[in-house]
Amino acid sequence: MNYRWLLRMAKWGRNPPGEKQVKLVLGAILICLVLFAIERLFGWPEWLTPQNTPRGRFNN
């Protein structure tokens, strides 16, 4: 483990984040997990797959 991470954990141990910040982080993680589960269950839609186009050009 990196020494910098140990210092960060010690700082958080002495001065933990507020309840709102913890809820925000857990909410973001929950949204990511839900999106991951939906993708695994139903797959990636074909219409969201990018096409091989030259850089900077769009097909109209």
C-alpha atoms as a PDB file:
ATOM      1  CA  MET A   1       0.000   0.000   0.000  1.00  0.00           C
ATOM      2  CA  ASN A   2       1.229   3.456  -0.864  1.00  0.00           C
ATOM      3  CA  TYR A   3       2.319   5.726   1.987  1.00  0.00           C
ATOM      4  CA  ARG A   4       0.101   8.507   0.628  1.00  0.00           C
ATOM      5  CA  TRP A   5      -2.998   6.298   0.984  1.00  0.00           C
ATOM      6  CA  LEU A   6      -2.108   5.557   4.600  1.00  0.00           C
ATOM      7  CA  LEU A   7      -1.915   9.285   5.297  1.00  0.00           C
ATOM      8  CA  ARG A   8      -5.275   9.847   3.595  1.00  0.00           C
ATOM      9  CA  MET A   9      -6.906   7.073   5.655  1.00  0.00           C
ATOM     10  CA  ALA A  10      -5.461   8.551   8.854  1.00  0.00           C
ATOM     11  CA  LYS A  11      -6.827  11.972   7.911  1.00  0.00           C
ATOM     12  CA  TRP A  12     -10.293  10.505   7.230  1.00  0.00           C
ATOM     13  CA  GLY A  13     -10.104   8.628  10.528  1.00  0.00           C
ATOM     14  CA  ARG A  14      -9.469  11.841  12.457  1.00  0.00           C
ATOM     15  CA  ASN A  15     -11.932  13.966  10.461  1.00  0.00           C
ATOM     16  CA  PRO A  16     -14.508  11.763   8.702  1.00  0.00           C
ATOM     17  CA  PRO A  17     -16.611  13.113   5.817  1.00  0.00           C
ATOM     18  CA  GLY A  18     -20.104  14.407   6.452  1.00  0.00           C
ATOM     19  CA  GLU A  19     -23.279  12.374   6.092  1.00  0.00           C
ATOM     20  CA  LYS A  20     -24.265  14.147   2.859  1.00  0.00           C
ATOM     21  CA  GLN A  21     -20.936  13.372   1.220  1.00  0.00           C
ATOM     22  CA  VAL A  22     -21.157   9.705   2.210  1.00  0.00           C
ATOM     23  CA  LYS A  23     -24.694   9.497   0.778  1.00  0.00           C
ATOM     24  CA  LEU A  24     -23.540  11.168  -2.441  1.00  0.00           C
ATOM     25  CA  VAL A  25     -20.682   8.706  -2.928  1.00  0.00           C
ATOM     26  CA  LEU A  26     -22.848   5.688  -2.124  1.00  0.00           C
ATOM     27  CA  GLY A  27     -25.548   6.975  -4.497  1.00  0.00           C
ATOM     28  CA  ALA A  28     -23.021   7.344  -7.333  1.00  0.00           C
ATOM     29  CA  ILE A  29     -21.703   3.831  -6.707  1.00  0.00           C
ATOM     30  CA  LEU A  30     -25.256   2.471  -6.655  1.00  0.00           C
ATOM     31  CA  ILE A  31     -26.089   4.135  -9.991  1.00  0.00           C
ATOM     32  CA  CYS A  32     -22.940   2.657 -11.550  1.00  0.00           C
ATOM     33  CA  LEU A  33     -23.800  -0.814 -10.270  1.00  0.00           C
ATOM     34  CA  VAL A  34     -27.384  -0.568 -11.583  1.00  0.00           C
ATOM     35  CA  LEU A  35     -26.167   0.504 -15.027  1.00  0.00           C
ATOM     36  CA  PHE A  36     -23.633  -2.325 -15.053  1.00  0.00           C
ATOM     37  CA  ALA A  37     -26.320  -4.863 -14.099  1.00  0.00           C
ATOM     38  CA  ILE A  38     -28.681  -3.621 -16.818  1.00  0.00           C
ATOM     39  CA  GLU A  39     -25.932  -3.894 -19.413  1.00  0.00           C
ATOM     40  CA  ARG A  40     -25.064  -7.433 -18.303  1.00  0.00           C
ATOM     41  CA  LEU A  41     -28.711  -8.539 -18.325  1.00  0.00           C
ATOM     42  CA  PHE A  42     -29.841  -7.018 -21.611  1.00  0.00           C
ATOM     43  CA  GLY A  43     -26.582  -6.436 -23.472  1.00  0.00           C
ATOM     44  CA  TRP A  44     -25.312  -3.380 -25.287  1.00  0.00           C
ATOM     45  CA  PRO A  45     -27.781  -1.918 -27.805  1.00  0.00           C
ATOM     46  CA  GLU A  46     -26.627  -1.946 -31.415  1.00  0.00           C
ATOM     47  CA  TRP A  47     -27.676   1.677 -31.964  1.00  0.00           C
ATOM     48  CA  LEU A  48     -25.209   2.833 -29.276  1.00  0.00           C
ATOM     49  CA  THR A  49     -22.236   1.108 -30.923  1.00  0.00           C
ATOM     50  CA  PRO A  50     -20.019   3.655 -32.715  1.00  0.00           C
ATOM     51  CA  GLN A  51     -19.295   3.121 -36.378  1.00  0.00           C
ATOM     52  CA  ASN A  52     -15.827   3.202 -37.879  1.00  0.00           C
ATOM     53  CA  THR A  53     -15.713   6.750 -39.235  1.00  0.00           C
ATOM     54  CA  PRO A  54     -12.701   8.952 -39.959  1.00  0.00           C
ATOM     55  CA  ARG A  55     -11.646  11.133 -37.076  1.00  0.00           C
ATOM     56  CA  GLY A  56     -13.621  14.360 -36.812  1.00  0.00           C
ATOM     57  CA  ARG A  57     -16.210  13.382 -39.433  1.00  0.00           C
ATOM     58  CA  PHE A  58     -19.864  12.549 -39.008  1.00  0.00           C
ATOM     59  CA  ASN A  59     -22.050  10.531 -41.352  1.00  0.00           C
ATOM     60  CA  ASN A  60     -25.268  12.355 -42.185  1.00  0.00           C
END
